[in-house]
């Protein structure tokens, strides 16, 4: 949607022109899944599609939210002292949550705002539409109210919205990738220390393809919190032998020496520990230009997520296993929390069209409805889009 069209929509809904425009990307995680809340490493990157917001401050204490993605909801209006979670407010709870968390942190937001949202991330696809919304609201509030929030703090506030306001016990990867992303680079993040480094993504001759199962996944209603609890139980068991603060501090060789009483906890821990090591190996492979090795590590990641962590399901497995059979594919794996959502594949440029057709036909024949394919381009993190102030 063009700037002009967004502005026309804003004026139509709110009666006055907007003054500022903001953008926060979606993200994919190339490797390192379900390691973020286990104190391990992740390797995500920000995308060039995401969530747009245009806004204008108000003179009173009313916030009015409107999303072009949920037009049936109309304008959702709340006062500054009416920011409690309300299930009937749907998507707007993420915006209300960000305002709430910033206020609780001592930042002064003393007037309301009119905000129009338009996102081009498929809802429920596992490309972090919720974290993108949190961060676009975060940079909007930071700019309009002159809050001067350090970017790493803003990332943490986004995670707090998920954990404390929405009630999803998620890690920090999504907000970090969206807040700190850099065009042309992946981001190796140690989720225990928040140490990070940018790694140039030189995939010359290859394209990252996102494969959307079109099976919606609702993170708060999924087994995500169950998996996290299982990992906490596995860590408690391991701590009987060697006390550590997180599964990411264990190595696979140390893990192999432990005798387990509960197989399910063993498998959850095995995934978290081996996936952390795969992520570090994948970065080393990229830095050495060993793309074949990188692809093999992606494949192994999916197998671990399917067999040990059990978060894939028939839709994701069908896409990924079909991708493995195609010529010119370096590797493929699910990305995100799983239980539906998206997978990614790294595909030779020359065979992208044939890849989409073949995998798409296989998926629809087995699942009964089509998948959707996107080309992933790596972009910058959440930011204000410079424009003439009206």
Protein backbone atom coordinates (compact mmCIF):
# COMPACT_ATOMS: atom_id res chain seq x y z
CA UNK A 1 0.00 0.00 0.00
CA UNK A 2 1.41 3.40 -0.99
CA UNK A 3 2.08 6.27 1.39
CA UNK A 4 -0.70 8.24 -0.27
CA UNK A 5 -3.22 5.43 0.18
CA UNK A 6 -2.26 4.97 3.83
CA UNK A 7 -2.65 8.69 4.40
CA UNK A 8 -6.05 8.72 2.70
CA UNK A 9 -7.15 5.88 4.97
CA UNK A 10 -5.87 7.73 8.04
CA UNK A 11 -7.71 10.94 7.20
CA UNK A 12 -10.87 9.02 6.37
CA UNK A 13 -10.86 7.30 9.78
CA UNK A 14 -9.52 10.05 12.02
CA UNK A 15 -10.42 13.29 10.23
CA UNK A 16 -6.93 14.83 10.24
CA UNK A 17 -3.67 14.01 8.45
CA UNK A 18 -1.00 11.93 10.17
CA UNK A 19 2.35 13.41 11.10
CA UNK A 20 4.74 10.46 11.25
CA UNK A 21 5.24 7.03 9.69
CA UNK A 22 7.01 4.00 11.18
CA UNK A 23 7.93 0.47 10.11
CA UNK A 24 8.95 -2.73 11.89
CA UNK A 25 9.88 -5.86 9.92
CA UNK A 26 8.90 -9.46 10.32
CA UNK A 27 11.64 -11.99 10.89
CA UNK A 28 12.73 -15.47 9.98
CA UNK A 29 15.10 -17.59 11.98
CA UNK A 30 17.62 -19.34 9.74
CA UNK A 31 18.57 -21.81 12.46
CA UNK A 32 18.40 -22.08 16.26
CA UNK A 33 14.78 -22.89 17.06
CA UNK A 34 13.38 -23.08 20.60
CA UNK A 35 16.83 -22.26 21.92
CA UNK A 36 16.11 -18.64 22.87
CA UNK A 37 14.32 -19.37 26.13
CA UNK A 38 16.84 -22.14 26.85
CA UNK A 39 19.79 -19.77 27.05
CA UNK A 40 21.18 -20.81 23.69
CA UNK A 41 22.01 -19.13 20.39
CA UNK A 42 19.71 -18.10 17.55
CA UNK A 43 20.47 -16.84 14.04
CA UNK A 44 17.56 -14.74 12.77
CA UNK A 45 17.32 -11.94 10.25
CA UNK A 46 14.82 -9.14 9.68
CA UNK A 47 12.72 -9.06 6.52
CA UNK A 48 11.73 -6.24 4.18
CA UNK A 49 8.02 -6.81 4.78
CA UNK A 50 6.41 -6.13 8.12
CA UNK A 51 4.13 -3.65 9.89
CA UNK A 52 3.53 -0.02 8.91
CA UNK A 53 2.11 2.55 11.32
CA UNK A 54 1.15 6.16 10.72
CA UNK A 55 0.14 8.33 13.62
CA UNK A 56 -0.76 11.71 15.04
CA UNK A 57 -0.66 12.80 18.67
CA UNK A 58 -3.89 13.98 20.28
CA UNK A 59 -4.52 16.76 22.77
CA UNK A 60 -6.62 14.58 25.05
CA UNK A 61 -5.91 11.24 26.76
CA UNK A 62 -7.64 8.98 24.23
CA UNK A 63 -5.88 6.39 22.09
CA UNK A 64 -7.63 5.33 18.89
CA UNK A 65 -6.35 2.31 16.95
CA UNK A 66 -7.37 1.14 13.49
CA UNK A 67 -5.94 -1.75 11.47
CA UNK A 68 -6.44 -2.20 7.75
CA UNK A 69 -5.86 -5.92 8.39
CA UNK A 70 -8.81 -6.12 10.78
CA UNK A 71 -11.22 -3.57 9.35
CA UNK A 72 -14.16 -5.46 10.80
CA UNK A 73 -12.97 -4.39 14.27
CA UNK A 74 -13.39 -0.71 13.42
CA UNK A 75 -11.73 1.94 15.55
CA UNK A 76 -10.72 0.62 18.98
CA UNK A 77 -10.71 3.50 21.42
CA UNK A 78 -9.34 3.51 24.98
CA UNK A 79 -8.30 6.07 27.56
CA UNK A 80 -4.85 6.26 29.11
CA UNK A 81 -6.31 4.89 32.33
CA UNK A 82 -8.14 2.05 30.52
CA UNK A 83 -5.24 0.00 29.20
CA UNK A 84 -5.98 -3.35 30.88
CA UNK A 85 -6.02 -6.42 28.62
CA UNK A 86 -9.40 -6.88 26.93
CA UNK A 87 -9.96 -9.97 24.80
CA UNK A 88 -12.49 -8.07 22.67
CA UNK A 89 -9.73 -5.67 21.57
CA UNK A 90 -7.85 -8.43 19.72
CA UNK A 91 -4.73 -7.15 17.94
CA UNK A 92 -4.88 -3.77 19.72
CA UNK A 93 -3.88 -5.46 22.99
CA UNK A 94 -0.29 -5.57 21.69
CA UNK A 95 -0.33 -1.79 21.25
CA UNK A 96 -2.01 -1.26 24.63
CA UNK A 97 0.53 -3.60 26.19
CA UNK A 98 3.45 -1.57 24.85
CA UNK A 99 1.99 1.65 26.26
CA UNK A 100 1.41 -0.07 29.60
CA UNK A 101 4.91 -1.53 29.85
CA UNK A 102 6.56 1.80 28.98
CA UNK A 103 4.48 3.62 31.58
CA UNK A 104 5.37 1.03 34.20
CA UNK A 105 9.04 1.58 33.34
CA UNK A 106 8.65 5.28 34.15
CA UNK A 107 8.31 6.76 30.67
CA UNK A 108 5.88 9.67 30.44
CA UNK A 109 3.04 9.25 27.95
CA UNK A 110 0.61 11.98 28.92
CA UNK A 111 -1.64 12.36 25.88
CA UNK A 112 -3.30 10.00 23.45
CA UNK A 113 -2.67 9.26 19.82
CA UNK A 114 -4.45 8.17 16.63
CA UNK A 115 -2.69 5.19 15.07
CA UNK A 116 -3.39 3.38 11.80
CA UNK A 117 -1.73 0.00 11.22
CA UNK A 118 -1.19 -1.91 8.00
CA UNK A 119 0.82 -5.13 7.98
CA UNK A 120 1.92 -7.37 5.14
CA UNK A 121 3.02 -10.27 7.37
CA UNK A 122 0.52 -13.13 7.11
CA UNK A 123 -1.23 -13.35 10.48
CA UNK A 124 -0.41 -16.53 12.35
CA UNK A 125 2.31 -17.54 9.89
CA UNK A 126 5.09 -17.64 12.47
CA UNK A 127 6.99 -14.66 11.01
CA UNK A 128 6.51 -12.63 14.19
CA UNK A 129 3.61 -10.37 13.30
CA UNK A 130 2.95 -9.75 17.01
CA UNK A 131 6.55 -8.77 17.82
CA UNK A 132 6.59 -6.58 14.69
CA UNK A 133 3.47 -4.80 15.95
CA UNK A 134 5.00 -4.36 19.41
CA UNK A 135 8.18 -2.84 18.02
CA UNK A 136 6.46 -0.53 15.53
CA UNK A 137 4.35 0.81 18.41
CA UNK A 138 7.50 1.05 20.52
CA UNK A 139 9.44 3.18 18.02
CA UNK A 140 6.28 5.25 17.43
CA UNK A 141 5.87 6.05 21.12
CA UNK A 142 9.60 6.67 21.50
CA UNK A 143 9.58 9.26 18.71
CA UNK A 144 6.24 10.99 19.28
CA UNK A 145 6.72 11.41 23.02
CA UNK A 146 10.48 12.09 22.98
CA UNK A 147 11.20 9.16 25.30
CA UNK A 148 14.76 8.39 24.08
CA UNK A 149 14.54 4.70 24.93
CA UNK A 150 17.76 2.72 24.38
CA UNK A 151 17.07 0.23 21.61
CA UNK A 152 17.98 -2.82 23.68
CA UNK A 153 15.54 -1.66 26.37
CA UNK A 154 12.82 -1.29 23.73
CA UNK A 155 13.49 -4.87 22.64
CA UNK A 156 13.13 -6.05 26.24
CA UNK A 157 9.90 -4.09 26.65
CA UNK A 158 8.48 -5.88 23.63
CA UNK A 159 9.23 -9.23 25.24
CA UNK A 160 7.61 -8.03 28.47
CA UNK A 161 4.40 -7.30 26.54
CA UNK A 162 4.31 -10.94 25.44
CA UNK A 163 5.22 -12.37 28.84
CA UNK A 164 3.38 -10.14 31.29
CA UNK A 165 0.54 -8.59 29.31
CA UNK A 166 -0.43 -11.16 26.65
CA UNK A 167 0.60 -14.19 28.71
CA UNK A 168 2.93 -15.97 26.27
CA UNK A 169 6.12 -17.22 27.94
CA UNK A 170 8.29 -16.45 24.91
CA UNK A 171 11.98 -15.66 24.62
CA UNK A 172 13.56 -12.48 23.32
CA UNK A 173 14.60 -13.58 19.81
CA UNK A 174 11.67 -12.14 17.86
CA UNK A 175 11.85 -8.66 19.35
CA UNK A 176 15.65 -8.66 19.16
CA UNK A 177 15.75 -9.55 15.46
CA UNK A 178 13.04 -6.99 14.65
CA UNK A 179 14.56 -4.24 16.77
CA UNK A 180 18.20 -4.84 15.86
CA UNK A 181 18.02 -6.23 12.31
CA UNK A 182 20.42 -5.09 9.61
CA UNK A 183 20.03 -5.29 5.84
CA UNK A 184 22.08 -8.05 4.26
CA UNK A 185 23.06 -9.62 7.58
CA UNK A 186 21.99 -12.33 9.94
CA UNK A 187 22.21 -11.80 13.67
CA UNK A 188 23.90 -14.34 15.93
CA UNK A 189 22.46 -13.77 19.38
CA UNK A 190 23.41 -15.42 22.65
CA UNK A 191 20.04 -15.38 24.39
CA UNK A 192 21.61 -15.89 27.80
CA UNK A 193 23.95 -12.89 27.71
CA UNK A 194 22.38 -10.88 24.83
CA UNK A 195 25.82 -10.66 23.24
CA UNK A 196 25.33 -10.47 19.49
CA UNK A 197 27.20 -10.16 16.25
CA UNK A 198 26.15 -9.38 12.69
CA UNK A 199 27.12 -11.95 10.09
CA UNK A 200 26.96 -11.05 6.39
CA UNK A 201 24.61 -13.39 4.51
CA UNK A 202 26.40 -14.12 1.27
CA UNK A 203 24.04 -16.48 -0.49
CA UNK A 204 25.12 -15.52 -4.00
CA UNK A 205 23.31 -17.70 -6.51
CA UNK A 206 20.66 -18.75 -3.98
CA UNK A 207 17.35 -17.37 -2.75
CA UNK A 208 15.67 -17.80 0.63
CA UNK A 209 12.11 -18.99 0.02
CA UNK A 210 9.49 -18.78 2.76
CA UNK A 211 6.87 -21.52 2.52
CA UNK A 212 3.64 -20.73 4.37
CA UNK A 213 1.56 -23.76 5.34
CA UNK A 214 -1.48 -21.46 5.60
CA UNK A 215 -2.33 -23.29 8.79
CA UNK A 216 -2.74 -20.55 11.36
CA UNK A 217 -0.94 -20.97 14.63
CA UNK A 218 -2.02 -19.11 17.74
CA UNK A 219 1.05 -18.99 19.95
CA UNK A 220 -0.78 -18.32 23.19
CA UNK A 221 -3.08 -21.29 22.56
CA UNK A 222 -0.42 -23.68 21.26
CA UNK A 223 1.81 -26.08 23.14
CA UNK A 224 4.55 -23.47 23.30
CA UNK A 225 4.22 -22.90 27.04
CA UNK A 226 4.09 -26.67 27.54
CA UNK A 227 7.40 -27.13 25.75
CA UNK A 228 8.99 -24.40 27.83
CA UNK A 229 7.80 -26.07 31.03
CA UNK A 230 9.22 -29.40 29.84
CA UNK A 231 12.59 -27.76 29.23
CA UNK A 232 12.54 -26.25 32.70
CA UNK A 233 11.83 -29.70 34.14
CA UNK A 234 14.66 -31.20 32.06
CA UNK A 235 17.07 -28.54 33.33
CA UNK A 236 16.01 -29.23 36.92
CA UNK A 237 16.78 -32.91 36.37
CA UNK A 238 20.21 -32.14 34.85
CA UNK A 239 20.99 -29.80 37.72
CA UNK A 240 21.08 -32.79 40.03
CA UNK A 241 24.34 -33.71 38.30
CA UNK A 242 25.88 -30.37 37.33
CA UNK A 243 24.08 -27.13 38.24
CA UNK A 244 23.73 -24.82 35.25
CA UNK A 245 21.52 -21.82 34.61
CA UNK A 246 20.25 -22.94 31.18
CA UNK A 247 20.21 -25.91 28.82
CA UNK A 248 22.31 -23.84 26.41
CA UNK A 249 25.24 -24.17 28.82
CA UNK A 250 25.36 -27.93 28.30
CA UNK A 251 27.20 -29.68 25.47
CA UNK A 252 26.03 -32.77 23.62
CA UNK A 253 28.99 -34.76 24.95
CA UNK A 254 28.05 -33.87 28.55
CA UNK A 255 24.40 -34.63 27.83
CA UNK A 256 25.26 -38.10 26.49
CA UNK A 257 26.67 -39.15 29.87
CA UNK A 258 23.39 -38.56 31.74
CA UNK A 259 20.97 -41.41 32.46
CA UNK A 260 17.40 -40.20 32.07
CA UNK A 261 14.29 -41.42 33.85
CA UNK A 262 11.77 -39.66 31.58
CA UNK A 263 12.27 -40.05 27.84
CA UNK A 264 10.16 -37.01 26.92
CA UNK A 265 12.35 -34.69 29.02
CA UNK A 266 15.46 -36.30 27.56
CA UNK A 267 14.27 -35.59 24.02
CA UNK A 268 13.30 -31.99 24.78
CA UNK A 269 16.73 -31.35 26.33
CA UNK A 270 18.53 -33.14 23.49
CA UNK A 271 16.94 -30.84 20.97
CA UNK A 272 17.73 -27.64 22.90
CA UNK A 273 21.36 -28.64 23.44
CA UNK A 274 22.07 -30.02 19.96
CA UNK A 275 20.26 -27.13 18.25
CA UNK A 276 22.43 -24.64 20.11
CA UNK A 277 25.55 -26.38 18.81
CA UNK A 278 24.12 -26.57 15.27
CA UNK A 279 23.56 -22.82 15.31
CA UNK A 280 27.19 -22.09 16.13
CA UNK A 281 28.31 -24.62 13.51
CA UNK A 282 26.02 -22.97 10.96
CA UNK A 283 27.58 -19.56 11.53
CA UNK A 284 31.06 -21.04 11.12
CA UNK A 285 29.93 -22.70 7.88
CA UNK A 286 28.58 -19.41 6.52
CA UNK A 287 31.74 -17.56 7.44
CA UNK A 288 33.80 -20.24 5.65
CA UNK A 289 31.56 -20.12 2.59
CA UNK A 290 30.51 -23.75 3.14
CA UNK A 291 26.92 -23.40 2.05
CA UNK A 292 26.41 -27.14 1.61
CA UNK A 293 27.29 -27.67 5.28
CA UNK A 294 24.95 -24.86 6.26
CA UNK A 295 22.12 -26.53 4.37
CA UNK A 296 22.81 -29.90 6.00
CA UNK A 297 22.61 -28.26 9.42
CA UNK A 298 19.23 -26.74 8.48
CA UNK A 299 17.98 -30.21 7.55
CA UNK A 300 19.25 -31.70 10.81
CA UNK A 301 17.53 -28.89 12.71
CA UNK A 302 14.16 -29.83 11.21
CA UNK A 303 14.64 -33.50 12.00
CA UNK A 304 15.37 -32.62 15.62
CA UNK A 305 12.33 -30.35 15.80
CA UNK A 306 10.21 -33.14 14.31
CA UNK A 307 11.51 -36.08 16.32
CA UNK A 308 12.74 -34.66 19.64
CA UNK A 309 10.76 -31.45 20.10
CA UNK A 310 7.62 -32.51 18.26
CA UNK A 311 6.54 -29.08 17.07
CA UNK A 312 6.29 -29.61 13.30
CA UNK A 313 3.12 -31.46 12.31
CA UNK A 314 2.00 -32.86 8.97
CA UNK A 315 1.79 -29.50 7.20
CA UNK A 316 5.34 -28.34 7.97
CA UNK A 317 6.77 -31.83 7.46
CA UNK A 318 5.07 -32.12 4.07
CA UNK A 319 6.56 -28.84 2.87
CA UNK A 320 10.06 -29.50 4.20
CA UNK A 321 10.28 -33.12 3.08
CA UNK A 322 9.07 -32.14 -0.40
CA UNK A 323 11.68 -29.37 -0.49
CA UNK A 324 14.45 -31.85 0.38
CA UNK A 325 13.58 -33.83 -2.75
CA UNK A 326 13.92 -30.91 -5.15
CA UNK A 327 17.06 -30.24 -7.19
CA UNK A 328 19.04 -27.15 -6.30
CA UNK A 329 17.95 -27.03 -2.64
CA UNK A 330 20.70 -26.48 -0.08
CA UNK A 331 18.48 -27.13 2.90
CA UNK A 332 15.02 -26.61 4.37
CA UNK A 333 13.48 -26.46 7.83
CA UNK A 334 10.54 -25.10 9.76
CA UNK A 335 11.03 -21.61 11.19
CA UNK A 336 9.33 -20.04 14.17
CA UNK A 337 7.57 -21.80 17.00
CA UNK A 338 5.99 -24.46 14.80
CA UNK A 339 2.52 -25.98 15.10
CA UNK A 340 1.79 -24.57 11.64
CA UNK A 341 3.22 -21.35 10.26
CA UNK A 342 6.16 -21.33 7.89
CA UNK A 343 9.20 -23.22 6.71
CA UNK A 344 12.17 -21.87 4.78
CA UNK A 345 14.34 -23.29 2.01
CA UNK A 346 17.54 -22.05 0.37
CA UNK A 347 17.12 -22.63 -3.34
CA UNK A 348 19.30 -22.06 -6.40
CA UNK A 349 18.10 -18.96 -8.27
CA UNK A 350 17.62 -20.85 -11.55
CA UNK A 351 15.17 -23.38 -10.12
CA UNK A 352 13.04 -21.19 -7.86
CA UNK A 353 9.97 -21.28 -10.12
CA UNK A 354 10.17 -25.04 -10.62
CA UNK A 355 10.69 -25.48 -6.88
CA UNK A 356 7.56 -23.51 -6.00
CA UNK A 357 5.46 -25.40 -8.53
CA UNK A 358 6.63 -28.86 -7.53
CA UNK A 359 6.50 -28.35 -3.77
CA UNK A 360 3.20 -26.51 -4.08
CA UNK A 361 1.57 -29.30 -6.06
CA UNK A 362 2.79 -31.95 -3.64
CA UNK A 363 1.56 -29.98 -0.63
CA UNK A 364 -1.90 -29.28 -2.00
CA UNK A 365 -2.36 -32.88 -3.12
CA UNK A 366 -1.57 -34.16 0.37
CA UNK A 367 -3.00 -31.43 2.62
CA UNK A 368 -5.99 -30.35 0.56
CA UNK A 369 -5.32 -26.62 0.31
CA UNK A 370 -2.42 -24.61 -1.17
CA UNK A 371 0.73 -23.28 0.44
CA UNK A 372 1.96 -19.77 -0.29
CA UNK A 373 5.55 -18.95 -1.26
CA UNK A 374 7.46 -15.71 -0.64
CA UNK A 375 10.94 -14.55 -1.54
CA UNK A 376 12.73 -13.38 1.60
CA UNK A 377 14.85 -10.25 1.38
CA UNK A 378 16.86 -9.29 4.45
CA UNK A 379 16.21 -5.74 5.68
CA UNK A 380 16.79 -3.28 8.51
CA UNK A 381 15.12 -3.25 11.90
CA UNK A 382 12.28 -1.13 13.35
CA UNK A 383 12.54 2.55 12.49
CA UNK A 384 10.82 5.79 11.60
CA UNK A 385 10.31 6.31 7.88
CA UNK A 386 11.39 9.83 7.06
CA UNK A 387 8.68 11.91 5.44
CA UNK A 388 7.51 15.48 5.31
CA UNK A 389 5.77 16.40 8.55
CA UNK A 390 2.30 17.68 7.80
